[in-house]
């Protein structure tokens, strides 16, 4: 049992499971909105809930493990990441490959059980999820690729319920893309010196602190615009607009915290953004239930 718990702890550290809170709310936002439009009920059923949860967790686990494997040589020289299980030997390369393949298979199989459209979409989704690991080696657009990886959540959610992707799901997706890219920019400030020394294409290492803060703020403004357009396109009610407004306030405080005290980046990155996703989902769900 102690050995099993140790393995679970190492895997959790490898994929940082708690960060699933970023994507999961937006999968369920899309599934709830789609179900309301299709069946006049925000509840899409236990079958889709379980399959959607399995697909989301396996896709994210695949993405994180693939990134850790691809970045092993980069991470081992970075003091911030040198103690990761993929670097210090706690999880070997063979086990990493098995874990990646297993999660890819689980994702594709769960998509098959959801519907045929989800099954076909699962392959390009896996390709996008894996691509971030290589983008930062040649392009500063890597931050947007991270955003797209999570932005696919509402796309997948709408496909799971409807079998296709309506306009509102694309708008919600684009909002998530710029939301994630914006806070990824702030988070990557921690590695600005290391990225410069190793010729990695992060925006902070290429353009500096001031430009990074400005671009991050710009991305978050664009995010709020897309989420407003999502509410309009989905014919959302007052609480959905409140969800967007609260998100804007949270992002404002995120920037304020990081600018004032960079050592609190973890608070801004995880705590505030985690709350944002959950609050957004709860308010949209209540809007759907009472509308």
C-alpha atoms as a PDB file:
ATOM      1  CA  UNK A   1       0.000   0.000   0.000  1.00  0.00           C
ATOM      2  CA  UNK A   2       2.750   2.572   0.805  1.00  0.00           C
ATOM      3  CA  UNK A   3       4.345   1.835  -2.588  1.00  0.00           C
ATOM      4  CA  UNK A   4       0.996   2.277  -4.363  1.00  0.00           C
ATOM      5  CA  UNK A   5       0.356   5.578  -2.592  1.00  0.00           C
ATOM      6  CA  UNK A   6       3.841   6.737  -3.529  1.00  0.00           C
ATOM      7  CA  UNK A   7       3.182   5.963  -7.217  1.00  0.00           C
ATOM      8  CA  UNK A   8      -0.146   7.799  -7.082  1.00  0.00           C
ATOM      9  CA  UNK A   9       1.596  10.784  -5.490  1.00  0.00           C
ATOM     10  CA  UNK A  10       4.259  10.804  -8.209  1.00  0.00           C
ATOM     11  CA  UNK A  11       1.653  10.608 -10.996  1.00  0.00           C
ATOM     12  CA  UNK A  12      -0.340  13.405  -9.397  1.00  0.00           C
ATOM     13  CA  UNK A  13       2.812  15.528  -9.248  1.00  0.00           C
ATOM     14  CA  UNK A  14       3.574  14.640 -12.864  1.00  0.00           C
ATOM     15  CA  UNK A  15       0.225  15.757 -14.296  1.00  0.00           C
ATOM     16  CA  UNK A  16      -0.730  18.284 -11.557  1.00  0.00           C
ATOM     17  CA  UNK A  17      -4.268  16.904 -11.394  1.00  0.00           C
ATOM     18  CA  UNK A  18      -5.625  19.890  -9.459  1.00  0.00           C
ATOM     19  CA  UNK A  19      -5.116  22.059 -12.548  1.00  0.00           C
ATOM     20  CA  UNK A  20      -7.939  20.110 -14.227  1.00  0.00           C
ATOM     21  CA  UNK A  21     -10.147  22.745 -12.623  1.00  0.00           C
ATOM     22  CA  UNK A  22      -9.220  25.051 -15.508  1.00  0.00           C
ATOM     23  CA  UNK A  23     -10.778  23.012 -18.324  1.00  0.00           C
ATOM     24  CA  UNK A  24     -13.485  20.910 -16.681  1.00  0.00           C
ATOM     25  CA  UNK A  25     -15.921  23.764 -15.924  1.00  0.00           C
ATOM     26  CA  UNK A  26     -15.943  24.829 -19.570  1.00  0.00           C
ATOM     27  CA  UNK A  27     -16.590  21.316 -20.822  1.00  0.00           C
ATOM     28  CA  UNK A  28     -19.639  21.193 -18.591  1.00  0.00           C
ATOM     29  CA  UNK A  29     -20.702  24.733 -19.537  1.00  0.00           C
ATOM     30  CA  UNK A  30     -20.803  23.638 -23.176  1.00  0.00           C
ATOM     31  CA  UNK A  31     -22.559  20.351 -22.386  1.00  0.00           C
ATOM     32  CA  UNK A  32     -25.169  22.131 -20.254  1.00  0.00           C
ATOM     33  CA  UNK A  33     -25.877  24.838 -22.838  1.00  0.00           C
ATOM     34  CA  UNK A  34     -26.078  22.239 -25.618  1.00  0.00           C
ATOM     35  CA  UNK A  35     -28.422  20.048 -23.569  1.00  0.00           C
ATOM     36  CA  UNK A  36     -30.655  23.016 -22.761  1.00  0.00           C
ATOM     37  CA  UNK A  37     -30.965  23.842 -26.460  1.00  0.00           C
ATOM     38  CA  UNK A  38     -31.511  20.220 -27.465  1.00  0.00           C
ATOM     39  CA  UNK A  39     -33.715  18.910 -24.662  1.00  0.00           C
ATOM     40  CA  UNK A  40     -34.788  22.060 -22.795  1.00  0.00           C
ATOM     41  CA  UNK A  41     -32.877  20.738 -19.778  1.00  0.00           C
ATOM     42  CA  UNK A  42     -29.395  21.681 -18.583  1.00  0.00           C
ATOM     43  CA  UNK A  43     -28.799  18.109 -17.378  1.00  0.00           C
ATOM     44  CA  UNK A  44     -27.291  15.943 -20.109  1.00  0.00           C
ATOM     45  CA  UNK A  45     -27.459  12.653 -18.215  1.00  0.00           C
ATOM     46  CA  UNK A  46     -25.158  10.462 -16.172  1.00  0.00           C
ATOM     47  CA  UNK A  47     -23.843   8.564 -19.200  1.00  0.00           C
ATOM     48  CA  UNK A  48     -22.450  11.686 -20.873  1.00  0.00           C
ATOM     49  CA  UNK A  49     -21.300  13.074 -17.539  1.00  0.00           C
ATOM     50  CA  UNK A  50     -19.182  10.003 -16.785  1.00  0.00           C
ATOM     51  CA  UNK A  51     -17.871   9.623 -20.341  1.00  0.00           C
ATOM     52  CA  UNK A  52     -17.139  13.343 -20.572  1.00  0.00           C
ATOM     53  CA  UNK A  53     -15.257  13.256 -17.280  1.00  0.00           C
ATOM     54  CA  UNK A  54     -13.212  10.227 -18.371  1.00  0.00           C
ATOM     55  CA  UNK A  55     -12.409  11.848 -21.716  1.00  0.00           C
ATOM     56  CA  UNK A  56     -11.418  15.154 -20.126  1.00  0.00           C
ATOM     57  CA  UNK A  57      -9.179  13.620 -17.478  1.00  0.00           C
ATOM     58  CA  UNK A  58      -7.479  11.200 -19.891  1.00  0.00           C
ATOM     59  CA  UNK A  59      -6.902  13.935 -22.489  1.00  0.00           C
ATOM     60  CA  UNK A  60      -5.335  16.231 -19.934  1.00  0.00           C
ATOM     61  CA  UNK A  61      -3.225  13.426 -18.451  1.00  0.00           C
ATOM     62  CA  UNK A  62      -2.009  12.578 -21.970  1.00  0.00           C
ATOM     63  CA  UNK A  63      -1.114  16.207 -22.659  1.00  0.00           C
ATOM     64  CA  UNK A  64       0.746  16.780 -19.394  1.00  0.00           C
ATOM     65  CA  UNK A  65       2.672  13.502 -19.532  1.00  0.00           C
ATOM     66  CA  UNK A  66       3.593  14.020 -23.206  1.00  0.00           C
ATOM     67  CA  UNK A  67       4.856  17.492 -22.388  1.00  0.00           C
ATOM     68  CA  UNK A  68       6.902  16.221 -19.450  1.00  0.00           C
ATOM     69  CA  UNK A  69       8.466  13.504 -21.615  1.00  0.00           C
ATOM     70  CA  UNK A  70       9.256  15.868 -24.478  1.00  0.00           C
ATOM     71  CA  UNK A  71      10.677  18.487 -22.101  1.00  0.00           C
ATOM     72  CA  UNK A  72      12.828  16.168 -19.981  1.00  0.00           C
ATOM     73  CA  UNK A  73      16.105  17.630 -21.245  1.00  0.00           C
ATOM     74  CA  UNK A  74      14.809  21.171 -20.775  1.00  0.00           C
ATOM     75  CA  UNK A  75      13.325  20.592 -17.331  1.00  0.00           C
ATOM     76  CA  UNK A  76      16.342  18.901 -15.800  1.00  0.00           C
ATOM     77  CA  UNK A  77      18.461  22.062 -16.156  1.00  0.00           C
ATOM     78  CA  UNK A  78      15.775  24.437 -14.887  1.00  0.00           C
ATOM     79  CA  UNK A  79      15.920  24.837 -11.073  1.00  0.00           C
ATOM     80  CA  UNK A  80      12.131  25.311 -10.956  1.00  0.00           C
ATOM     81  CA  UNK A  81      11.424  21.995 -12.682  1.00  0.00           C
ATOM     82  CA  UNK A  82      14.454  19.849 -11.839  1.00  0.00           C
ATOM     83  CA  UNK A  83      12.570  17.945  -9.128  1.00  0.00           C
ATOM     84  CA  UNK A  84       9.728  16.752 -11.334  1.00  0.00           C
ATOM     85  CA  UNK A  85       9.144  12.952 -11.296  1.00  0.00           C
ATOM     86  CA  UNK A  86       9.900  12.812 -15.022  1.00  0.00           C
ATOM     87  CA  UNK A  87      13.333  14.320 -14.397  1.00  0.00           C
ATOM     88  CA  UNK A  88      14.602  12.935 -11.097  1.00  0.00           C
ATOM     89  CA  UNK A  89      13.980   9.270 -12.018  1.00  0.00           C
ATOM     90  CA  UNK A  90      10.869   8.545  -9.953  1.00  0.00           C
ATOM     91  CA  UNK A  91       8.965   7.826 -13.186  1.00  0.00           C
ATOM     92  CA  UNK A  92      11.108   6.302 -15.931  1.00  0.00           C
ATOM     93  CA  UNK A  93      10.786   6.978 -19.646  1.00  0.00           C
ATOM     94  CA  UNK A  94       9.266   3.565 -20.390  1.00  0.00           C
ATOM     95  CA  UNK A  95       6.577   4.075 -17.776  1.00  0.00           C
ATOM     96  CA  UNK A  96       5.970   7.576 -19.139  1.00  0.00           C
ATOM     97  CA  UNK A  97       5.419   6.200 -22.644  1.00  0.00           C
ATOM     98  CA  UNK A  98       3.043   3.534 -21.309  1.00  0.00           C
ATOM     99  CA  UNK A  99       1.123   6.172 -19.325  1.00  0.00           C
ATOM    100  CA  UNK A 100       0.853   8.428 -22.386  1.00  0.00           C
ATOM    101  CA  UNK A 101      -0.328   5.597 -24.652  1.00  0.00           C
ATOM    102  CA  UNK A 102      -2.821   4.371 -22.059  1.00  0.00           C
ATOM    103  CA  UNK A 103      -4.408   7.793 -21.640  1.00  0.00           C
ATOM    104  CA  UNK A 104      -4.552   8.343 -25.400  1.00  0.00           C
ATOM    105  CA  UNK A 105      -6.348   4.998 -25.777  1.00  0.00           C
ATOM    106  CA  UNK A 106      -8.776   5.793 -22.945  1.00  0.00           C
ATOM    107  CA  UNK A 107      -9.558   9.163 -24.531  1.00  0.00           C
ATOM    108  CA  UNK A 108     -10.232   7.705 -27.982  1.00  0.00           C
ATOM    109  CA  UNK A 109     -12.314   4.825 -26.604  1.00  0.00           C
ATOM    110  CA  UNK A 110     -14.408   7.111 -24.397  1.00  0.00           C
ATOM    111  CA  UNK A 111     -14.956   9.394 -27.413  1.00  0.00           C
ATOM    112  CA  UNK A 112     -16.147   6.351 -29.401  1.00  0.00           C
ATOM    113  CA  UNK A 113     -18.737   5.585 -26.751  1.00  0.00           C
ATOM    114  CA  UNK A 114     -19.922   9.217 -26.750  1.00  0.00           C
ATOM    115  CA  UNK A 115     -20.687   9.424 -30.464  1.00  0.00           C
ATOM    116  CA  UNK A 116     -19.058   9.048 -33.888  1.00  0.00           C
ATOM    117  CA  UNK A 117     -18.332  12.781 -34.244  1.00  0.00           C
ATOM    118  CA  UNK A 118     -16.485  12.756 -30.914  1.00  0.00           C
ATOM    119  CA  UNK A 119     -14.481   9.718 -32.046  1.00  0.00           C
ATOM    120  CA  UNK A 120     -13.372  11.420 -35.265  1.00  0.00           C
ATOM    121  CA  UNK A 121     -12.546  14.621 -33.366  1.00  0.00           C
ATOM    122  CA  UNK A 122     -10.446  12.764 -30.788  1.00  0.00           C
ATOM    123  CA  UNK A 123      -7.465  12.305 -33.134  1.00  0.00           C
ATOM    124  CA  UNK A 124      -6.891  15.949 -34.121  1.00  0.00           C
ATOM    125  CA  UNK A 125      -7.511  16.906 -30.483  1.00  0.00           C
ATOM    126  CA  UNK A 126      -4.670  14.610 -29.369  1.00  0.00           C
ATOM    127  CA  UNK A 127      -2.456  16.148 -32.068  1.00  0.00           C
ATOM    128  CA  UNK A 128      -3.122  19.660 -30.767  1.00  0.00           C
ATOM    129  CA  UNK A 129      -2.552  18.579 -27.163  1.00  0.00           C
ATOM    130  CA  UNK A 130       0.847  17.155 -28.072  1.00  0.00           C
ATOM    131  CA  UNK A 131       1.936  20.056 -30.289  1.00  0.00           C
ATOM    132  CA  UNK A 132       2.589  22.564 -27.485  1.00  0.00           C
ATOM    133  CA  UNK A 133       5.662  20.640 -26.412  1.00  0.00           C
ATOM    134  CA  UNK A 134       7.359  21.491 -29.699  1.00  0.00           C
ATOM    135  CA  UNK A 135       5.965  24.959 -30.468  1.00  0.00           C
ATOM    136  CA  UNK A 136       8.015  26.726 -27.795  1.00  0.00           C
ATOM    137  CA  UNK A 137      11.154  25.532 -29.552  1.00  0.00           C
ATOM    138  CA  UNK A 138      10.481  27.709 -32.589  1.00  0.00           C
ATOM    139  CA  UNK A 139       7.551  30.077 -31.989  1.00  0.00           C
ATOM    140  CA  UNK A 140       6.292  32.473 -29.311  1.00  0.00           C
ATOM    141  CA  UNK A 141       2.777  31.426 -30.318  1.00  0.00           C
ATOM    142  CA  UNK A 142       3.243  28.506 -27.920  1.00  0.00           C
ATOM    143  CA  UNK A 143       1.173  30.390 -25.318  1.00  0.00           C
ATOM    144  CA  UNK A 144      -1.786  30.411 -27.692  1.00  0.00           C
ATOM    145  CA  UNK A 145      -1.317  26.701 -28.356  1.00  0.00           C
ATOM    146  CA  UNK A 146      -1.605  26.102 -24.610  1.00  0.00           C
ATOM    147  CA  UNK A 147      -4.771  28.184 -24.715  1.00  0.00           C
ATOM    148  CA  UNK A 148      -6.117  26.183 -27.632  1.00  0.00           C
ATOM    149  CA  UNK A 149      -5.425  22.927 -25.783  1.00  0.00           C
ATOM    150  CA  UNK A 150      -7.830  23.986 -23.036  1.00  0.00           C
ATOM    151  CA  UNK A 151     -10.069  25.883 -25.443  1.00  0.00           C
ATOM    152  CA  UNK A 152     -10.949  22.605 -27.106  1.00  0.00           C
ATOM    153  CA  UNK A 153     -12.896  21.704 -23.943  1.00  0.00           C
ATOM    154  CA  UNK A 154     -16.135  23.502 -24.926  1.00  0.00           C
ATOM    155  CA  UNK A 155     -15.746  22.251 -28.502  1.00  0.00           C
ATOM    156  CA  UNK A 156     -15.600  18.684 -27.195  1.00  0.00           C
ATOM    157  CA  UNK A 157     -18.493  19.351 -24.830  1.00  0.00           C
ATOM    158  CA  UNK A 158     -20.789  20.574 -27.585  1.00  0.00           C
ATOM    159  CA  UNK A 159     -19.858  17.675 -29.873  1.00  0.00           C
ATOM    160  CA  UNK A 160     -20.607  15.215 -27.061  1.00  0.00           C
ATOM    161  CA  UNK A 161     -24.194  16.440 -26.757  1.00  0.00           C
ATOM    162  CA  UNK A 162     -25.042  17.780 -30.217  1.00  0.00           C
ATOM    163  CA  UNK A 163     -22.663  15.930 -32.515  1.00  0.00           C
ATOM    164  CA  UNK A 164     -21.488  19.250 -33.997  1.00  0.00           C
ATOM    165  CA  UNK A 165     -20.089  22.621 -32.897  1.00  0.00           C
ATOM    166  CA  UNK A 166     -22.429  25.655 -33.001  1.00  0.00           C
ATOM    167  CA  UNK A 167     -21.212  29.260 -33.130  1.00  0.00           C
ATOM    168  CA  UNK A 168     -21.586  29.847 -29.385  1.00  0.00           C
ATOM    169  CA  UNK A 169     -19.212  26.936 -28.668  1.00  0.00           C
ATOM    170  CA  UNK A 170     -16.546  28.459 -30.925  1.00  0.00           C
ATOM    171  CA  UNK A 171     -16.933  31.808 -29.151  1.00  0.00           C
ATOM    172  CA  UNK A 172     -16.658  30.132 -25.752  1.00  0.00           C
ATOM    173  CA  UNK A 173     -13.608  28.263 -27.052  1.00  0.00           C
ATOM    174  CA  UNK A 174     -11.897  31.463 -28.210  1.00  0.00           C
ATOM    175  CA  UNK A 175     -12.564  33.055 -24.841  1.00  0.00           C
ATOM    176  CA  UNK A 176     -10.873  30.124 -23.107  1.00  0.00           C
ATOM    177  CA  UNK A 177      -7.952  30.286 -25.579  1.00  0.00           C
ATOM    178  CA  UNK A 178      -7.153  33.906 -24.706  1.00  0.00           C
ATOM    179  CA  UNK A 179      -7.916  33.420 -21.000  1.00  0.00           C
ATOM    180  CA  UNK A 180      -5.413  30.561 -20.708  1.00  0.00           C
ATOM    181  CA  UNK A 181      -2.825  32.197 -22.980  1.00  0.00           C
ATOM    182  CA  UNK A 182      -3.061  35.353 -20.868  1.00  0.00           C
ATOM    183  CA  UNK A 183      -2.359  33.659 -17.550  1.00  0.00           C
ATOM    184  CA  UNK A 184       0.226  31.349 -19.132  1.00  0.00           C
ATOM    185  CA  UNK A 185       2.148  34.475 -20.114  1.00  0.00           C
ATOM    186  CA  UNK A 186       2.207  35.634 -16.501  1.00  0.00           C
ATOM    187  CA  UNK A 187       3.191  32.169 -15.278  1.00  0.00           C
ATOM    188  CA  UNK A 188       6.025  31.920 -17.805  1.00  0.00           C
ATOM    189  CA  UNK A 189       7.631  35.045 -16.339  1.00  0.00           C
ATOM    190  CA  UNK A 190       9.106  32.666 -13.749  1.00  0.00           C
ATOM    191  CA  UNK A 191      11.325  31.169 -16.465  1.00  0.00           C
ATOM    192  CA  UNK A 192      12.255  34.337 -18.340  1.00  0.00           C
ATOM    193  CA  UNK A 193      16.007  34.073 -17.646  1.00  0.00           C
ATOM    194  CA  UNK A 194      16.181  30.326 -18.280  1.00  0.00           C
ATOM    195  CA  UNK A 195      14.250  30.647 -21.551  1.00  0.00           C
ATOM    196  CA  UNK A 196      16.622  33.386 -22.736  1.00  0.00           C
ATOM    197  CA  UNK A 197      19.679  31.291 -21.941  1.00  0.00           C
ATOM    198  CA  UNK A 198      18.264  28.236 -23.738  1.00  0.00           C
ATOM    199  CA  UNK A 199      16.798  30.025 -26.768  1.00  0.00           C
ATOM    200  CA  UNK A 200      13.201  29.048 -25.999  1.00  0.00           C
ATOM    201  CA  UNK A 201      10.502  31.091 -27.676  1.00  0.00           C
ATOM    202  CA  UNK A 202       8.382  32.371 -24.814  1.00  0.00           C
ATOM    203  CA  UNK A 203       7.014  35.892 -25.141  1.00  0.00           C
ATOM    204  CA  UNK A 204       8.701  36.992 -21.870  1.00  0.00           C
ATOM    205  CA  UNK A 205      12.125  35.836 -23.065  1.00  0.00           C
ATOM    206  CA  UNK A 206      11.690  37.478 -26.473  1.00  0.00           C
ATOM    207  CA  UNK A 207      10.003  40.756 -25.567  1.00  0.00           C
ATOM    208  CA  UNK A 208      10.559  41.327 -21.838  1.00  0.00           C
ATOM    209  CA  UNK A 209       8.459  41.984 -18.763  1.00  0.00           C
ATOM    210  CA  UNK A 210       6.567  45.095 -19.833  1.00  0.00           C
ATOM    211  CA  UNK A 211       5.475  43.660 -23.172  1.00  0.00           C
ATOM    212  CA  UNK A 212       4.412  40.424 -21.462  1.00  0.00           C
ATOM    213  CA  UNK A 213       2.182  42.265 -18.987  1.00  0.00           C
ATOM    214  CA  UNK A 214       0.637  44.302 -21.810  1.00  0.00           C
ATOM    215  CA  UNK A 215       0.014  41.294 -24.084  1.00  0.00           C
ATOM    216  CA  UNK A 216      -1.420  39.293 -21.185  1.00  0.00           C
ATOM    217  CA  UNK A 217      -3.814  42.137 -20.350  1.00  0.00           C
ATOM    218  CA  UNK A 218      -4.755  42.433 -24.029  1.00  0.00           C
ATOM    219  CA  UNK A 219      -5.445  38.701 -24.244  1.00  0.00           C
ATOM    220  CA  UNK A 220      -7.686  38.860 -21.187  1.00  0.00           C
ATOM    221  CA  UNK A 221      -9.634  41.801 -22.618  1.00  0.00           C
ATOM    222  CA  UNK A 222     -10.157  39.807 -25.824  1.00  0.00           C
ATOM    223  CA  UNK A 223     -11.213  36.826 -23.678  1.00  0.00           C
ATOM    224  CA  UNK A 224     -13.975  38.858 -22.013  1.00  0.00           C
ATOM    225  CA  UNK A 225     -15.200  40.091 -25.403  1.00  0.00           C
ATOM    226  CA  UNK A 226     -15.475  36.532 -26.725  1.00  0.00           C
ATOM    227  CA  UNK A 227     -17.299  35.392 -23.601  1.00  0.00           C
ATOM    228  CA  UNK A 228     -19.772  38.248 -23.982  1.00  0.00           C
ATOM    229  CA  UNK A 229     -20.339  37.189 -27.575  1.00  0.00           C
ATOM    230  CA  UNK A 230     -20.830  33.618 -26.349  1.00  0.00           C
ATOM    231  CA  UNK A 231     -23.601  34.734 -23.993  1.00  0.00           C
ATOM    232  CA  UNK A 232     -25.280  36.697 -26.782  1.00  0.00           C
ATOM    233  CA  UNK A 233     -24.990  33.820 -29.271  1.00  0.00           C
ATOM    234  CA  UNK A 234     -26.285  31.275 -26.731  1.00  0.00           C
ATOM    235  CA  UNK A 235     -29.177  33.588 -25.760  1.00  0.00           C
ATOM    236  CA  UNK A 236     -27.961  33.644 -22.171  1.00  0.00           C
ATOM    237  CA  UNK A 237     -29.747  35.441 -19.365  1.00  0.00           C
ATOM    238  CA  UNK A 238     -28.702  37.870 -16.648  1.00  0.00           C
ATOM    239  CA  UNK A 239     -26.662  35.370 -14.647  1.00  0.00           C
ATOM    240  CA  UNK A 240     -24.573  34.483 -17.700  1.00  0.00           C
ATOM    241  CA  UNK A 241     -23.695  38.150 -18.125  1.00  0.00           C
ATOM    242  CA  UNK A 242     -22.870  38.278 -14.428  1.00  0.00           C
ATOM    243  CA  UNK A 243     -20.535  35.290 -14.983  1.00  0.00           C
ATOM    244  CA  UNK A 244     -18.630  37.272 -17.599  1.00  0.00           C
ATOM    245  CA  UNK A 245     -18.539  40.357 -15.387  1.00  0.00           C
ATOM    246  CA  UNK A 246     -17.212  38.413 -12.397  1.00  0.00           C
ATOM    247  CA  UNK A 247     -14.574  36.838 -14.655  1.00  0.00           C
ATOM    248  CA  UNK A 248     -13.440  40.294 -15.694  1.00  0.00           C
ATOM    249  CA  UNK A 249     -13.121  41.396 -12.063  1.00  0.00           C
ATOM    250  CA  UNK A 250     -11.116  38.269 -11.164  1.00  0.00           C
ATOM    251  CA  UNK A 251      -8.743  38.812 -14.085  1.00  0.00           C
ATOM    252  CA  UNK A 252      -8.301  42.455 -13.048  1.00  0.00           C
ATOM    253  CA  UNK A 253      -7.206  41.379  -9.569  1.00  0.00           C
ATOM    254  CA  UNK A 254      -4.958  38.698 -11.059  1.00  0.00           C
ATOM    255  CA  UNK A 255      -2.998  41.329 -12.952  1.00  0.00           C
ATOM    256  CA  UNK A 256      -2.962  43.632  -9.955  1.00  0.00           C
ATOM    257  CA  UNK A 257      -1.543  40.917  -7.688  1.00  0.00           C
ATOM    258  CA  UNK A 258       1.190  39.848 -10.111  1.00  0.00           C
ATOM    259  CA  UNK A 259       2.273  43.416 -10.882  1.00  0.00           C
ATOM    260  CA  UNK A 260       2.430  44.302  -7.190  1.00  0.00           C
ATOM    261  CA  UNK A 261       4.170  41.149  -5.951  1.00  0.00           C
ATOM    262  CA  UNK A 262       5.494  38.642  -8.462  1.00  0.00           C
ATOM    263  CA  UNK A 263       6.209  36.106  -5.703  1.00  0.00           C
ATOM    264  CA  UNK A 264       2.429  35.541  -5.512  1.00  0.00           C
ATOM    265  CA  UNK A 265       2.235  34.215  -9.052  1.00  0.00           C
ATOM    266  CA  UNK A 266       0.992  30.814  -7.816  1.00  0.00           C
ATOM    267  CA  UNK A 267      -1.930  32.489  -6.039  1.00  0.00           C
ATOM    268  CA  UNK A 268      -2.842  34.396  -9.187  1.00  0.00           C
ATOM    269  CA  UNK A 269      -2.275  31.419 -11.467  1.00  0.00           C
ATOM    270  CA  UNK A 270      -4.065  28.653  -9.613  1.00  0.00           C
ATOM    271  CA  UNK A 271      -6.354  30.114  -6.957  1.00  0.00           C
ATOM    272  CA  UNK A 272      -7.932  32.969  -8.895  1.00  0.00           C
ATOM    273  CA  UNK A 273      -8.182  31.154 -12.223  1.00  0.00           C
ATOM    274  CA  UNK A 274      -9.538  28.067 -10.490  1.00  0.00           C
ATOM    275  CA  UNK A 275     -12.262  30.155  -8.888  1.00  0.00           C
ATOM    276  CA  UNK A 276     -12.985  31.847 -12.217  1.00  0.00           C
ATOM    277  CA  UNK A 277     -13.809  28.605 -14.025  1.00  0.00           C
ATOM    278  CA  UNK A 278     -15.979  27.259 -11.225  1.00  0.00           C
ATOM    279  CA  UNK A 279     -17.894  30.525 -10.731  1.00  0.00           C
ATOM    280  CA  UNK A 280     -18.421  30.866 -14.487  1.00  0.00           C
ATOM    281  CA  UNK A 281     -19.891  27.362 -14.685  1.00  0.00           C
ATOM    282  CA  UNK A 282     -22.119  27.719 -11.611  1.00  0.00           C
ATOM    283  CA  UNK A 283     -23.594  31.030 -12.763  1.00  0.00           C
ATOM    284  CA  UNK A 284     -24.230  29.813 -16.316  1.00  0.00           C
ATOM    285  CA  UNK A 285     -25.768  26.607 -14.972  1.00  0.00           C
ATOM    286  CA  UNK A 286     -28.094  28.543 -12.640  1.00  0.00           C
ATOM    287  CA  UNK A 287     -29.026  30.753 -15.575  1.00  0.00           C
ATOM    288  CA  UNK A 288     -29.963  27.685 -17.617  1.00  0.00           C
ATOM    289  CA  UNK A 289     -31.911  26.086 -14.777  1.00  0.00           C
ATOM    290  CA  UNK A 290     -34.009  29.134 -13.958  1.00  0.00           C
ATOM    291  CA  UNK A 291     -34.525  30.460 -17.476  1.00  0.00           C
END
